[in-house]
């Protein structure tokens, strides 16, 4: 620990050069391979072009700064989407093997989506901010109360106007 970093993963060289280069190289190489812009079966040419683009990107500190600031968002966003997909996938069965009727599945998926959104808000601290400023803030929770009543009114109007199955149109 002579240089002040516990692991190589914490060193500025690794964070500001190696990781952005590997990311850009991999993404550009994958795009070139998939699109076959430079020709079919030209892995070497695709690799050289991806190498050059990766080296050019890491030579600009501004570009590396943007990449490094976006990566935590990408990682957290990917985990949230994965959790959401797993939770929604729990209620998406085959029609022949389905356990739940369609309205129940949709209701459960809506509940899961709301639960994941609330969990993300709690994990990020946004839940406390909304609770403090909208429901117990200086206005005594006027904003939160108005939002809840607006949602109830919109839901009541939607239920009243929604056509029922089996009823005849007049």
Protein backbone atom coordinates (compact mmCIF):
# COMPACT_ATOMS: atom_id res chain seq x y z
CA UNK A 1 0.00 0.00 0.00
CA UNK A 2 2.85 2.35 -0.84
CA UNK A 3 0.82 4.42 -3.29
CA UNK A 4 -2.23 4.83 -0.99
CA UNK A 5 -4.57 2.46 -2.85
CA UNK A 6 -5.65 -0.83 -1.31
CA UNK A 7 -6.21 -2.61 -4.64
CA UNK A 8 -5.41 -2.08 -8.28
CA UNK A 9 -9.15 -1.54 -8.86
CA UNK A 10 -8.91 1.75 -6.92
CA UNK A 11 -5.96 3.19 -8.83
CA UNK A 12 -6.66 6.19 -11.09
CA UNK A 13 -4.92 4.47 -14.03
CA UNK A 14 -7.32 1.54 -13.84
CA UNK A 15 -10.41 3.74 -13.35
CA UNK A 16 -9.52 6.42 -15.92
CA UNK A 17 -7.77 4.34 -18.58
CA UNK A 18 -8.27 0.59 -18.42
CA UNK A 19 -11.99 0.36 -17.66
CA UNK A 20 -13.17 3.02 -20.16
CA UNK A 21 -10.92 1.54 -22.85
CA UNK A 22 -12.23 -1.99 -22.31
CA UNK A 23 -15.81 -0.73 -22.32
CA UNK A 24 -15.46 1.33 -25.52
CA UNK A 25 -13.42 -1.36 -27.28
CA UNK A 26 -15.99 -4.04 -26.43
CA UNK A 27 -19.01 -1.98 -27.44
CA UNK A 28 -17.48 -0.76 -30.72
CA UNK A 29 -16.21 -4.24 -31.59
CA UNK A 30 -19.64 -5.77 -30.88
CA UNK A 31 -21.38 -3.14 -33.01
CA UNK A 32 -18.95 -3.67 -35.89
CA UNK A 33 -19.32 -7.45 -35.67
CA UNK A 34 -23.09 -7.34 -35.53
CA UNK A 35 -23.58 -4.74 -38.27
CA UNK A 36 -20.83 -6.13 -40.55
CA UNK A 37 -20.13 -2.58 -41.80
CA UNK A 38 -16.52 -3.38 -42.65
CA UNK A 39 -17.32 -6.77 -44.19
CA UNK A 40 -18.44 -10.20 -43.16
CA UNK A 41 -15.87 -12.26 -41.23
CA UNK A 42 -13.45 -9.34 -40.80
CA UNK A 43 -12.73 -9.76 -37.09
CA UNK A 44 -9.19 -8.41 -37.36
CA UNK A 45 -10.29 -5.19 -39.07
CA UNK A 46 -13.14 -4.75 -36.60
CA UNK A 47 -10.70 -5.26 -33.72
CA UNK A 48 -8.22 -2.70 -35.10
CA UNK A 49 -10.94 -0.10 -35.61
CA UNK A 50 -12.34 -0.75 -32.12
CA UNK A 51 -8.80 -0.49 -30.68
CA UNK A 52 -8.20 2.86 -32.36
CA UNK A 53 -11.55 4.27 -31.26
CA UNK A 54 -10.97 3.03 -27.70
CA UNK A 55 -7.51 4.65 -27.57
CA UNK A 56 -8.85 7.91 -28.99
CA UNK A 57 -11.63 8.03 -26.41
CA UNK A 58 -9.32 7.50 -23.42
CA UNK A 59 -6.98 10.20 -24.70
CA UNK A 60 -9.66 12.81 -23.97
CA UNK A 61 -10.18 13.37 -20.26
CA UNK A 62 -13.58 14.94 -20.84
CA UNK A 63 -14.91 11.80 -22.56
CA UNK A 64 -13.50 9.57 -19.81
CA UNK A 65 -15.12 11.81 -17.19
CA UNK A 66 -18.50 11.48 -18.88
CA UNK A 67 -18.12 7.69 -19.11
CA UNK A 68 -17.05 7.42 -15.47
CA UNK A 69 -19.96 9.57 -14.29
CA UNK A 70 -22.50 7.53 -16.28
CA UNK A 71 -21.31 4.06 -15.22
CA UNK A 72 -22.79 4.06 -11.69
CA UNK A 73 -26.16 5.08 -13.17
CA UNK A 74 -25.89 2.31 -15.77
CA UNK A 75 -25.04 -0.30 -13.14
CA UNK A 76 -27.82 0.71 -10.75
CA UNK A 77 -30.34 1.08 -13.59
CA UNK A 78 -29.47 -2.36 -14.91
CA UNK A 79 -29.97 -3.93 -11.48
CA UNK A 80 -33.33 -2.16 -11.02
CA UNK A 81 -34.53 -3.30 -14.46
CA UNK A 82 -33.35 -6.85 -13.75
CA UNK A 83 -35.24 -6.94 -10.43
CA UNK A 84 -38.34 -5.53 -12.13
CA UNK A 85 -38.17 -8.11 -14.93
CA UNK A 86 -37.75 -10.97 -12.46
CA UNK A 87 -40.65 -9.77 -10.31
CA UNK A 88 -42.98 -9.26 -13.30
CA UNK A 89 -41.85 -12.58 -14.77
CA UNK A 90 -43.15 -14.35 -11.68
CA UNK A 91 -46.70 -13.64 -12.84
CA UNK A 92 -46.28 -14.23 -16.56
CA UNK A 93 -47.13 -17.86 -17.20
CA UNK A 94 -48.01 -19.78 -20.33
CA UNK A 95 -51.73 -19.55 -21.20
CA UNK A 96 -52.20 -23.33 -21.00
CA UNK A 97 -50.33 -23.60 -17.72
CA UNK A 98 -51.43 -20.26 -16.28
CA UNK A 99 -52.39 -20.26 -12.63
CA UNK A 100 -53.82 -16.75 -12.48
CA UNK A 101 -56.57 -15.30 -14.67
CA UNK A 102 -55.48 -12.36 -16.87
CA UNK A 103 -56.92 -9.54 -14.67
CA UNK A 104 -55.19 -10.98 -11.60
CA UNK A 105 -51.87 -11.19 -13.49
CA UNK A 106 -52.17 -7.57 -14.60
CA UNK A 107 -53.07 -6.46 -11.08
CA UNK A 108 -50.12 -8.33 -9.58
CA UNK A 109 -47.75 -6.87 -12.19
CA UNK A 110 -48.97 -3.34 -11.37
CA UNK A 111 -48.43 -3.99 -7.66
CA UNK A 112 -44.91 -5.33 -8.34
CA UNK A 113 -44.02 -2.32 -10.50
CA UNK A 114 -45.23 0.06 -7.79
CA UNK A 115 -43.30 -1.92 -5.16
CA UNK A 116 -40.06 -1.75 -7.18
CA UNK A 117 -40.51 2.00 -7.74
CA UNK A 118 -41.09 2.54 -4.02
CA UNK A 119 -38.08 0.35 -3.14
CA UNK A 120 -35.86 2.39 -5.47
CA UNK A 121 -37.21 5.61 -3.97
CA UNK A 122 -36.49 4.37 -0.45
CA UNK A 123 -32.97 3.21 -1.42
CA UNK A 124 -32.13 6.57 -3.01
CA UNK A 125 -33.64 8.74 -0.29
CA UNK A 126 -36.32 10.18 -2.58
CA UNK A 127 -39.05 8.61 -0.42
CA UNK A 128 -38.02 10.67 2.63
CA UNK A 129 -37.85 13.83 0.51
CA UNK A 130 -41.35 13.30 -0.90
CA UNK A 131 -42.77 12.34 2.48
CA UNK A 132 -41.23 15.39 4.16
CA UNK A 133 -42.06 17.96 1.48
CA UNK A 134 -45.38 16.67 0.14
CA UNK A 135 -47.14 15.13 3.12
CA UNK A 136 -45.81 16.84 6.26
CA UNK A 137 -44.14 19.95 4.90
CA UNK A 138 -44.82 23.63 5.45
CA UNK A 139 -48.21 23.43 3.69
CA UNK A 140 -49.36 20.60 5.94
CA UNK A 141 -49.33 18.04 3.18
CA UNK A 142 -51.50 19.96 0.73
CA UNK A 143 -49.57 18.77 -2.32
CA UNK A 144 -49.77 15.09 -1.38
CA UNK A 145 -53.43 15.31 -0.48
CA UNK A 146 -54.24 17.04 -3.78
CA UNK A 147 -52.34 14.39 -5.75
CA UNK A 148 -54.15 11.55 -3.97
CA UNK A 149 -57.56 13.14 -4.55
CA UNK A 150 -56.73 13.78 -8.22
CA UNK A 151 -55.79 10.11 -8.66
CA UNK A 152 -59.02 8.99 -6.95
CA UNK A 153 -61.11 11.31 -9.14
CA UNK A 154 -59.39 10.14 -12.35
CA UNK A 155 -59.85 6.50 -11.32
CA UNK A 156 -63.56 7.08 -10.56
CA UNK A 157 -64.10 8.77 -13.93
CA UNK A 158 -62.25 5.94 -15.71
CA UNK A 159 -64.38 3.30 -13.97
CA UNK A 160 -67.58 5.19 -14.77
CA UNK A 161 -66.70 5.61 -18.45
CA UNK A 162 -65.17 2.16 -19.00
CA UNK A 163 -67.50 0.02 -21.12
CA UNK A 164 -68.67 -3.11 -19.34
CA UNK A 165 -68.57 -6.54 -21.02
CA UNK A 166 -71.98 -7.79 -22.04
CA UNK A 167 -73.61 -4.38 -21.89
CA UNK A 168 -75.15 -3.08 -25.08
CA UNK A 169 -73.92 0.18 -26.57
CA UNK A 170 -76.63 2.81 -26.70
